[in-house]
Amino acid sequence: MHVLMALQEGIDGVLVAGCHLGDCHYKRGNLMAENRIAVLRAVLRAAGAMKGRARFAHISTAERGILPRLIEEVKQEVKALGPIEQLWVV
């Protein structure tokens, strides 16, 4: 819901990152998140114009340097898409 609200409010892009599947301190937290992300992907796909506005990634603390590179990639992708237009009203 937070991702949809951010996009609806005009945030140009969103990065959601979490633990690798099966490797989470919260045991099932990343599995629950994966299910929610699947629903979110379906909603964004239905919106059509949201393509490229949200990125989902699994990372761990052992993967040093991944997060800054991932953030930079997302920034560049979103910048190339340009500003988001409000497509729906909540």
PDB file of N, CA and C in Angstrom:
ATOM      1  N   MET A   1       0.818  -1.186   0.000  1.00  0.00           N
ATOM      2  CA  MET A   1       0.000   0.000   0.000  1.00  0.00           C
ATOM      3  C   MET A   1       0.873   1.265   0.000  1.00  0.00           C
ATOM      4  N   HIS A   2       1.994   1.211   0.730  1.00  0.00           N
ATOM      5  CA  HIS A   2       2.872   2.384   0.798  1.00  0.00           C
ATOM      6  C   HIS A   2       3.454   2.716  -0.579  1.00  0.00           C
ATOM      7  N   VAL A   3       3.780   1.689  -1.355  1.00  0.00           N
ATOM      8  CA  VAL A   3       4.327   1.921  -2.694  1.00  0.00           C
ATOM      9  C   VAL A   3       3.278   2.573  -3.575  1.00  0.00           C
ATOM     10  N   LEU A   4       2.067   2.067  -3.554  1.00  0.00           N
ATOM     11  CA  LEU A   4       0.995   2.648  -4.366  1.00  0.00           C
ATOM     12  C   LEU A   4       0.710   4.093  -3.947  1.00  0.00           C
ATOM     13  N   MET A   5       0.695   4.337  -2.648  1.00  0.00           N
ATOM     14  CA  MET A   5       0.445   5.702  -2.164  1.00  0.00           C
ATOM     15  C   MET A   5       1.565   6.641  -2.623  1.00  0.00           C
ATOM     16  N   ALA A   6       2.799   6.184  -2.561  1.00  0.00           N
ATOM     17  CA  ALA A   6       3.925   7.016  -2.986  1.00  0.00           C
ATOM     18  C   ALA A   6       3.806   7.369  -4.464  1.00  0.00           C
ATOM     19  N   LEU A   7       3.508   6.380  -5.293  1.00  0.00           N
ATOM     20  CA  LEU A   7       3.368   6.629  -6.726  1.00  0.00           C
ATOM     21  C   LEU A   7       2.182   7.547  -7.007  1.00  0.00           C
ATOM     22  N   GLN A   8       1.090   7.332  -6.300  1.00  0.00           N
ATOM     23  CA  GLN A   8      -0.096   8.157  -6.499  1.00  0.00           C
ATOM     24  C   GLN A   8       0.184   9.604  -6.097  1.00  0.00           C
ATOM     25  N   GLU A   9       1.028   9.808  -5.108  1.00  0.00           N
ATOM     26  CA  GLU A   9       1.347  11.159  -4.647  1.00  0.00           C
ATOM     27  C   GLU A   9       2.386  11.850  -5.526  1.00  0.00           C
ATOM     28  N   GLY A  10       2.910  11.131  -6.512  1.00  0.00           N
ATOM     29  CA  GLY A  10       3.841  11.751  -7.445  1.00  0.00           C
ATOM     30  C   GLY A  10       5.298  11.387  -7.265  1.00  0.00           C
ATOM     31  N   ILE A  11       5.610  10.450  -6.374  1.00  0.00           N
ATOM     32  CA  ILE A  11       6.988   9.972  -6.258  1.00  0.00           C
ATOM     33  C   ILE A  11       7.318   9.266  -7.575  1.00  0.00           C
ATOM     34  N   ASP A  12       8.454   9.603  -8.171  1.00  0.00           N
ATOM     35  CA  ASP A  12       8.781   9.093  -9.500  1.00  0.00           C
ATOM     36  C   ASP A  12       9.187   7.633  -9.534  1.00  0.00           C
ATOM     37  N   GLY A  13       9.677   7.086  -8.429  1.00  0.00           N
ATOM     38  CA  GLY A  13      10.086   5.686  -8.409  1.00  0.00           C
ATOM     39  C   GLY A  13      10.300   5.205  -6.981  1.00  0.00           C
ATOM     40  N   VAL A  14      10.201   3.897  -6.813  1.00  0.00           N
ATOM     41  CA  VAL A  14      10.301   3.291  -5.487  1.00  0.00           C
ATOM     42  C   VAL A  14      11.183   2.045  -5.576  1.00  0.00           C
ATOM     43  N   LEU A  15      12.061   1.887  -4.583  1.00  0.00           N
ATOM     44  CA  LEU A  15      12.872   0.686  -4.449  1.00  0.00           C
ATOM     45  C   LEU A  15      12.456  -0.022  -3.174  1.00  0.00           C
ATOM     46  N   VAL A  16      12.097  -1.290  -3.298  1.00  0.00           N
ATOM     47  CA  VAL A  16      11.767  -2.126  -2.143  1.00  0.00           C
ATOM     48  C   VAL A  16      12.833  -3.212  -2.081  1.00  0.00           C
ATOM     49  N   ALA A  17      13.537  -3.284  -0.958  1.00  0.00           N
ATOM     50  CA  ALA A  17      14.598  -4.284  -0.807  1.00  0.00           C
ATOM     51  C   ALA A  17      14.381  -5.067   0.474  1.00  0.00           C
ATOM     52  N   GLY A  18      14.717  -6.333   0.415  1.00  0.00           N
ATOM     53  CA  GLY A  18      14.591  -7.182   1.591  1.00  0.00           C
ATOM     54  C   GLY A  18      15.567  -8.334   1.516  1.00  0.00           C
ATOM     55  N   CYS A  19      15.510  -9.165   2.508  1.00  0.00           N
ATOM     56  CA  CYS A  19      16.404 -10.326   2.584  1.00  0.00           C
ATOM     57  C   CYS A  19      16.135 -11.305   1.440  1.00  0.00           C
ATOM     58  N   HIS A  20      17.132 -12.124   1.175  1.00  0.00           N
ATOM     59  CA  HIS A  20      16.939 -13.215   0.226  1.00  0.00           C
ATOM     60  C   HIS A  20      15.913 -14.190   0.808  1.00  0.00           C
ATOM     61  N   LEU A  21      15.163 -14.834  -0.071  1.00  0.00           N
ATOM     62  CA  LEU A  21      14.156 -15.790   0.387  1.00  0.00           C
ATOM     63  C   LEU A  21      14.813 -16.896   1.199  1.00  0.00           C
ATOM     64  N   GLY A  22      14.226 -17.204   2.337  1.00  0.00           N
ATOM     65  CA  GLY A  22      14.753 -18.244   3.212  1.00  0.00           C
ATOM     66  C   GLY A  22      15.922 -17.801   4.073  1.00  0.00           C
ATOM     67  N   ASP A  23      16.302 -16.542   3.999  1.00  0.00           N
ATOM     68  CA  ASP A  23      17.465 -16.059   4.736  1.00  0.00           C
ATOM     69  C   ASP A  23      17.124 -14.753   5.456  1.00  0.00           C
ATOM     70  N   CYS A  24      16.103 -14.821   6.302  1.00  0.00           N
ATOM     71  CA  CYS A  24      15.634 -13.608   6.970  1.00  0.00           C
ATOM     72  C   CYS A  24      15.611 -13.802   8.481  1.00  0.00           C
ATOM     73  N   HIS A  25      16.099 -12.809   9.198  1.00  0.00           N
ATOM     74  CA  HIS A  25      16.072 -12.826  10.659  1.00  0.00           C
ATOM     75  C   HIS A  25      14.652 -12.994  11.189  1.00  0.00           C
ATOM     76  N   TYR A  26      13.698 -12.484  10.443  1.00  0.00           N
ATOM     77  CA  TYR A  26      12.301 -12.553  10.865  1.00  0.00           C
ATOM     78  C   TYR A  26      11.615 -13.831  10.393  1.00  0.00           C
ATOM     79  N   LYS A  27      12.391 -14.825  10.033  1.00  0.00           N
ATOM     80  CA  LYS A  27      11.927 -16.162   9.635  1.00  0.00           C
ATOM     81  C   LYS A  27      11.070 -16.133   8.369  1.00  0.00           C
ATOM     82  N   ARG A  28       9.851 -15.667   8.477  1.00  0.00           N
ATOM     83  CA  ARG A  28       8.925 -15.689   7.344  1.00  0.00           C
ATOM     84  C   ARG A  28       8.673 -14.304   6.765  1.00  0.00           C
ATOM     85  N   GLY A  29       9.333 -13.283   7.294  1.00  0.00           N
ATOM     86  CA  GLY A  29       9.079 -11.909   6.857  1.00  0.00           C
ATOM     87  C   GLY A  29       9.285 -11.707   5.374  1.00  0.00           C
ATOM     88  N   ASN A  30      10.383 -12.242   4.839  1.00  0.00           N
ATOM     89  CA  ASN A  30      10.635 -12.040   3.420  1.00  0.00           C
ATOM     90  C   ASN A  30       9.697 -12.874   2.555  1.00  0.00           C
ATOM     91  N   LEU A  31       9.216 -13.989   3.065  1.00  0.00           N
ATOM     92  CA  LEU A  31       8.240 -14.787   2.313  1.00  0.00           C
ATOM     93  C   LEU A  31       6.903 -14.062   2.243  1.00  0.00           C
ATOM     94  N   MET A  32       6.513 -13.443   3.346  1.00  0.00           N
ATOM     95  CA  MET A  32       5.274 -12.661   3.347  1.00  0.00           C
ATOM     96  C   MET A  32       5.421 -11.460   2.417  1.00  0.00           C
ATOM     97  N   ALA A  33       6.574 -10.814   2.446  1.00  0.00           N
ATOM     98  CA  ALA A  33       6.818  -9.668   1.567  1.00  0.00           C
ATOM     99  C   ALA A  33       6.771 -10.093   0.108  1.00  0.00           C
ATOM    100  N   GLU A  34       7.315 -11.246  -0.209  1.00  0.00           N
ATOM    101  CA  GLU A  34       7.301 -11.748  -1.587  1.00  0.00           C
ATOM    102  C   GLU A  34       5.864 -11.914  -2.088  1.00  0.00           C
ATOM    103  N   ASN A  35       4.986 -12.416  -1.242  1.00  0.00           N
ATOM    104  CA  ASN A  35       3.573 -12.548  -1.627  1.00  0.00           C
ATOM    105  C   ASN A  35       2.948 -11.181  -1.874  1.00  0.00           C
ATOM    106  N   ARG A  36       3.242 -10.236  -1.016  1.00  0.00           N
ATOM    107  CA  ARG A  36       2.692  -8.883  -1.182  1.00  0.00           C
ATOM    108  C   ARG A  36       3.232  -8.221  -2.438  1.00  0.00           C
ATOM    109  N   ILE A  37       4.497  -8.460  -2.730  1.00  0.00           N
ATOM    110  CA  ILE A  37       5.104  -7.876  -3.924  1.00  0.00           C
ATOM    111  C   ILE A  37       4.483  -8.477  -5.183  1.00  0.00           C
ATOM    112  N   ALA A  38       4.142  -9.760  -5.137  1.00  0.00           N
ATOM    113  CA  ALA A  38       3.473 -10.385  -6.288  1.00  0.00           C
ATOM    114  C   ALA A  38       2.142  -9.690  -6.571  1.00  0.00           C
ATOM    115  N   VAL A  39       1.396  -9.377  -5.529  1.00  0.00           N
ATOM    116  CA  VAL A  39       0.125  -8.656  -5.704  1.00  0.00           C
ATOM    117  C   VAL A  39       0.403  -7.251  -6.232  1.00  0.00           C
ATOM    118  N   LEU A  40       1.396  -6.588  -5.670  1.00  0.00           N
ATOM    119  CA  LEU A  40       1.740  -5.239  -6.110  1.00  0.00           C
ATOM    120  C   LEU A  40       2.153  -5.233  -7.582  1.00  0.00           C
ATOM    121  N   ARG A  41       2.938  -6.218  -7.992  1.00  0.00           N
ATOM    122  CA  ARG A  41       3.338  -6.306  -9.408  1.00  0.00           C
ATOM    123  C   ARG A  41       2.123  -6.413 -10.311  1.00  0.00           C
ATOM    124  N   ALA A  42       1.134  -7.211  -9.905  1.00  0.00           N
ATOM    125  CA  ALA A  42      -0.083  -7.354 -10.698  1.00  0.00           C
ATOM    126  C   ALA A  42      -0.835  -6.030 -10.802  1.00  0.00           C
ATOM    127  N   VAL A  43      -0.902  -5.300  -9.700  1.00  0.00           N
ATOM    128  CA  VAL A  43      -1.585  -3.997  -9.701  1.00  0.00           C
ATOM    129  C   VAL A  43      -0.838  -3.018 -10.604  1.00  0.00           C
ATOM    130  N   LEU A  44       0.477  -2.970 -10.483  1.00  0.00           N
ATOM    131  CA  LEU A  44       1.268  -2.057 -11.314  1.00  0.00           C
ATOM    132  C   LEU A  44       1.188  -2.440 -12.794  1.00  0.00           C
ATOM    133  N   ARG A  45       1.173  -3.730 -13.067  1.00  0.00           N
ATOM    134  CA  ARG A  45       1.048  -4.195 -14.448  1.00  0.00           C
ATOM    135  C   ARG A  45      -0.298  -3.752 -15.025  1.00  0.00           C
ATOM    136  N   ALA A  46      -1.355  -3.836 -14.223  1.00  0.00           N
ATOM    137  CA  ALA A  46      -2.690  -3.421 -14.663  1.00  0.00           C
ATOM    138  C   ALA A  46      -2.725  -1.919 -14.930  1.00  0.00           C
ATOM    139  N   ALA A  47      -1.938  -1.143 -14.177  1.00  0.00           N
ATOM    140  CA  ALA A  47      -1.903   0.307 -14.382  1.00  0.00           C
ATOM    141  C   ALA A  47      -1.174   0.670 -15.678  1.00  0.00           C
ATOM    142  N   GLY A  48      -0.341  -0.238 -16.184  1.00  0.00           N
ATOM    143  CA  GLY A  48       0.327  -0.030 -17.468  1.00  0.00           C
ATOM    144  C   GLY A  48       1.440   0.997 -17.445  1.00  0.00           C
ATOM    145  N   ALA A  49       1.116   2.225 -17.203  1.00  0.00           N
ATOM    146  CA  ALA A  49       2.083   3.310 -17.271  1.00  0.00           C
ATOM    147  C   ALA A  49       3.058   3.300 -16.095  1.00  0.00           C
ATOM    148  N   MET A  50       2.908   2.383 -15.189  1.00  0.00           N
ATOM    149  CA  MET A  50       3.790   2.310 -14.024  1.00  0.00           C
ATOM    150  C   MET A  50       5.050   1.500 -14.315  1.00  0.00           C
ATOM    151  N   LYS A  51       5.177   0.960 -15.503  1.00  0.00           N
ATOM    152  CA  LYS A  51       6.338   0.115 -15.810  1.00  0.00           C
ATOM    153  C   LYS A  51       7.644   0.862 -15.527  1.00  0.00           C
ATOM    154  N   GLY A  52       8.504   0.225 -14.759  1.00  0.00           N
ATOM    155  CA  GLY A  52       9.794   0.802 -14.438  1.00  0.00           C
ATOM    156  C   GLY A  52       9.787   1.745 -13.249  1.00  0.00           C
ATOM    157  N   ARG A  53       8.636   1.956 -12.646  1.00  0.00           N
ATOM    158  CA  ARG A  53       8.543   2.892 -11.526  1.00  0.00           C
ATOM    159  C   ARG A  53       8.835   2.231 -10.182  1.00  0.00           C
ATOM    160  N   ALA A  54       8.785   0.914 -10.125  1.00  0.00           N
ATOM    161  CA  ALA A  54       9.047   0.211  -8.869  1.00  0.00           C
ATOM    162  C   ALA A  54      10.030  -0.922  -9.126  1.00  0.00           C
ATOM    163  N   ARG A  55      11.009  -1.052  -8.245  1.00  0.00           N
ATOM    164  CA  ARG A  55      12.004  -2.130  -8.366  1.00  0.00           C
ATOM    165  C   ARG A  55      11.987  -2.912  -7.071  1.00  0.00           C
ATOM    166  N   PHE A  56      12.094  -4.223  -7.192  1.00  0.00           N
ATOM    167  CA  PHE A  56      12.102  -5.120  -6.046  1.00  0.00           C
ATOM    168  C   PHE A  56      13.411  -5.885  -6.064  1.00  0.00           C
ATOM    169  N   ALA A  57      14.087  -5.951  -4.926  1.00  0.00           N
ATOM    170  CA  ALA A  57      15.389  -6.612  -4.882  1.00  0.00           C
ATOM    171  C   ALA A  57      15.571  -7.359  -3.575  1.00  0.00           C
ATOM    172  N   HIS A  58      16.278  -8.475  -3.676  1.00  0.00           N
ATOM    173  CA  HIS A  58      16.662  -9.252  -2.494  1.00  0.00           C
ATOM    174  C   HIS A  58      18.159  -9.053  -2.318  1.00  0.00           C
ATOM    175  N   ILE A  59      18.548  -8.583  -1.136  1.00  0.00           N
ATOM    176  CA  ILE A  59      19.967  -8.377  -0.849  1.00  0.00           C
ATOM    177  C   ILE A  59      20.248  -8.804   0.587  1.00  0.00           C
ATOM    178  N   SER A  60      21.513  -8.961   0.903  1.00  0.00           N
ATOM    179  CA  SER A  60      21.886  -9.296   2.281  1.00  0.00           C
ATOM    180  C   SER A  60      23.021  -8.385   2.726  1.00  0.00           C
ATOM    181  N   THR A  61      23.243  -8.356   4.020  1.00  0.00           N
ATOM    182  CA  THR A  61      24.319  -7.529   4.556  1.00  0.00           C
ATOM    183  C   THR A  61      25.689  -8.033   4.098  1.00  0.00           C
ATOM    184  N   ALA A  62      25.764  -9.292   3.685  1.00  0.00           N
ATOM    185  CA  ALA A  62      27.026  -9.852   3.206  1.00  0.00           C
ATOM    186  C   ALA A  62      27.387  -9.326   1.814  1.00  0.00           C
ATOM    187  N   GLU A  63      26.432  -8.752   1.122  1.00  0.00           N
ATOM    188  CA  GLU A  63      26.668  -8.250  -0.241  1.00  0.00           C
ATOM    189  C   GLU A  63      27.049  -6.766  -0.189  1.00  0.00           C
ATOM    190  N   ARG A  64      28.244  -6.531   0.298  1.00  0.00           N
ATOM    191  CA  ARG A  64      28.732  -5.158   0.438  1.00  0.00           C
ATOM    192  C   ARG A  64      28.737  -4.442  -0.907  1.00  0.00           C
ATOM    193  N   GLY A  65      28.284  -3.210  -0.876  1.00  0.00           N
ATOM    194  CA  GLY A  65      28.326  -2.386  -2.082  1.00  0.00           C
ATOM    195  C   GLY A  65      27.139  -2.558  -3.010  1.00  0.00           C
ATOM    196  N   ILE A  66      26.321  -3.561  -2.792  1.00  0.00           N
ATOM    197  CA  ILE A  66      25.180  -3.802  -3.675  1.00  0.00           C
ATOM    198  C   ILE A  66      24.145  -2.688  -3.548  1.00  0.00           C
ATOM    199  N   LEU A  67      23.814  -2.299  -2.325  1.00  0.00           N
ATOM    200  CA  LEU A  67      22.750  -1.320  -2.131  1.00  0.00           C
ATOM    201  C   LEU A  67      23.055   0.025  -2.796  1.00  0.00           C
ATOM    202  N   PRO A  68      24.232   0.599  -2.617  1.00  0.00           N
ATOM    203  CA  PRO A  68      24.502   1.875  -3.309  1.00  0.00           C
ATOM    204  C   PRO A  68      24.413   1.749  -4.828  1.00  0.00           C
ATOM    205  N   ARG A  69      24.911   0.638  -5.382  1.00  0.00           N
ATOM    206  CA  ARG A  69      24.817   0.440  -6.828  1.00  0.00           C
ATOM    207  C   ARG A  69      23.367   0.274  -7.267  1.00  0.00           C
ATOM    208  N   LEU A  70      22.593  -0.457  -6.482  1.00  0.00           N
ATOM    209  CA  LEU A  70      21.184  -0.662  -6.783  1.00  0.00           C
ATOM    210  C   LEU A  70      20.423   0.664  -6.762  1.00  0.00           C
ATOM    211  N   ILE A  71      20.681   1.473  -5.755  1.00  0.00           N
ATOM    212  CA  ILE A  71      20.033   2.785  -5.666  1.00  0.00           C
ATOM    213  C   ILE A  71      20.388   3.642  -6.873  1.00  0.00           C
ATOM    214  N   GLU A  72      21.646   3.639  -7.260  1.00  0.00           N
ATOM    215  CA  GLU A  72      22.070   4.428  -8.420  1.00  0.00           C
ATOM    216  C   GLU A  72      21.393   3.937  -9.701  1.00  0.00           C
ATOM    217  N   GLU A  73      21.282   2.622  -9.871  1.00  0.00           N
ATOM    218  CA  GLU A  73      20.596   2.066 -11.043  1.00  0.00           C
ATOM    219  C   GLU A  73      19.145   2.533 -11.099  1.00  0.00           C
ATOM    220  N   VAL A  74      18.471   2.435  -9.968  1.00  0.00           N
ATOM    221  CA  VAL A  74      17.071   2.840  -9.902  1.00  0.00           C
ATOM    222  C   VAL A  74      16.938   4.328 -10.203  1.00  0.00           C
ATOM    223  N   LYS A  75      17.821   5.138  -9.634  1.00  0.00           N
ATOM    224  CA  LYS A  75      17.784   6.579  -9.900  1.00  0.00           C
ATOM    225  C   LYS A  75      17.909   6.867 -11.392  1.00  0.00           C
ATOM    226  N   GLN A  76      18.856   6.197 -12.051  1.00  0.00           N
ATOM    227  CA  GLN A  76      19.065   6.423 -13.481  1.00  0.00           C
ATOM    228  C   GLN A  76      17.866   5.959 -14.312  1.00  0.00           C
ATOM    229  N   GLU A  77      17.289   4.808 -13.960  1.00  0.00           N
ATOM    230  CA  GLU A  77      16.126   4.296 -14.682  1.00  0.00           C
ATOM    231  C   GLU A  77      14.931   5.236 -14.537  1.00  0.00           C
ATOM    232  N   VAL A  78      14.705   5.693 -13.325  1.00  0.00           N
ATOM    233  CA  VAL A  78      13.564   6.580 -13.069  1.00  0.00           C
ATOM    234  C   VAL A  78      13.790   7.932 -13.746  1.00  0.00           C
ATOM    235  N   LYS A  79      15.024   8.417 -13.700  1.00  0.00           N
ATOM    236  CA  LYS A  79      15.338   9.685 -14.365  1.00  0.00           C
ATOM    237  C   LYS A  79      15.064   9.591 -15.865  1.00  0.00           C
ATOM    238  N   ALA A  80      15.403   8.467 -16.472  1.00  0.00           N
ATOM    239  CA  ALA A  80      15.158   8.271 -17.901  1.00  0.00           C
ATOM    240  C   ALA A  80      13.661   8.241 -18.223  1.00  0.00           C
ATOM    241  N   LEU A  81      12.848   7.773 -17.273  1.00  0.00           N
ATOM    242  CA  LEU A  81      11.399   7.733 -17.484  1.00  0.00           C
ATOM    243  C   LEU A  81      10.775   9.123 -17.387  1.00  0.00           C
ATOM    244  N   GLY A  82      11.423  10.017 -16.660  1.00  0.00           N
ATOM    245  CA  GLY A  82      10.882  11.354 -16.464  1.00  0.00           C
ATOM    246  C   GLY A  82       9.895  11.381 -15.311  1.00  0.00           C
ATOM    247  N   PRO A  83       9.356  12.561 -15.047  1.00  0.00           N
ATOM    248  CA  PRO A  83       8.419  12.703 -13.930  1.00  0.00           C
ATOM    249  C   PRO A  83       7.159  11.864 -14.136  1.00  0.00           C
ATOM    250  N   ILE A  84       6.654  11.363 -13.044  1.00  0.00           N
ATOM    251  CA  ILE A  84       5.437  10.568 -13.089  1.00  0.00           C
ATOM    252  C   ILE A  84       4.234  11.505 -13.188  1.00  0.00           C
ATOM    253  N   GLU A  85       3.219  11.046 -13.871  1.00  0.00           N
ATOM    254  CA  GLU A  85       1.966  11.791 -13.921  1.00  0.00           C
ATOM    255  C   GLU A  85       0.976  11.056 -13.045  1.00  0.00           C
ATOM    256  N   GLN A  86       0.157  11.800 -12.340  1.00  0.00           N
ATOM    257  CA  GLN A  86      -0.846  11.140 -11.509  1.00  0.00           C
ATOM    258  C   GLN A  86      -1.843  10.447 -12.431  1.00  0.00           C
ATOM    259  N   LEU A  87      -1.948   9.129 -12.260  1.00  0.00           N
ATOM    260  CA  LEU A  87      -2.786   8.337 -13.153  1.00  0.00           C
ATOM    261  C   LEU A  87      -4.109   7.944 -12.551  1.00  0.00           C
ATOM    262  N   TRP A  88      -4.215   8.010 -11.258  1.00  0.00           N
ATOM    263  CA  TRP A  88      -5.461   7.657 -10.609  1.00  0.00           C
ATOM    264  C   TRP A  88      -5.617   8.482  -9.345  1.00  0.00           C
ATOM    265  N   VAL A  89      -6.804   8.489  -8.844  1.00  0.00           N
ATOM    266  CA  VAL A  89      -7.084   9.211  -7.617  1.00  0.00           C
ATOM    267  C   VAL A  89      -7.564   8.215  -6.589  1.00  0.00           C
ATOM    268  N   VAL A  90      -6.968   8.266  -5.382  1.00  0.00           N
ATOM    269  CA  VAL A  90      -7.362   7.365  -4.309  1.00  0.00           C
ATOM    270  C   VAL A  90      -8.403   8.050  -3.468  1.00  0.00           C
TER     271      VAL A  90
END
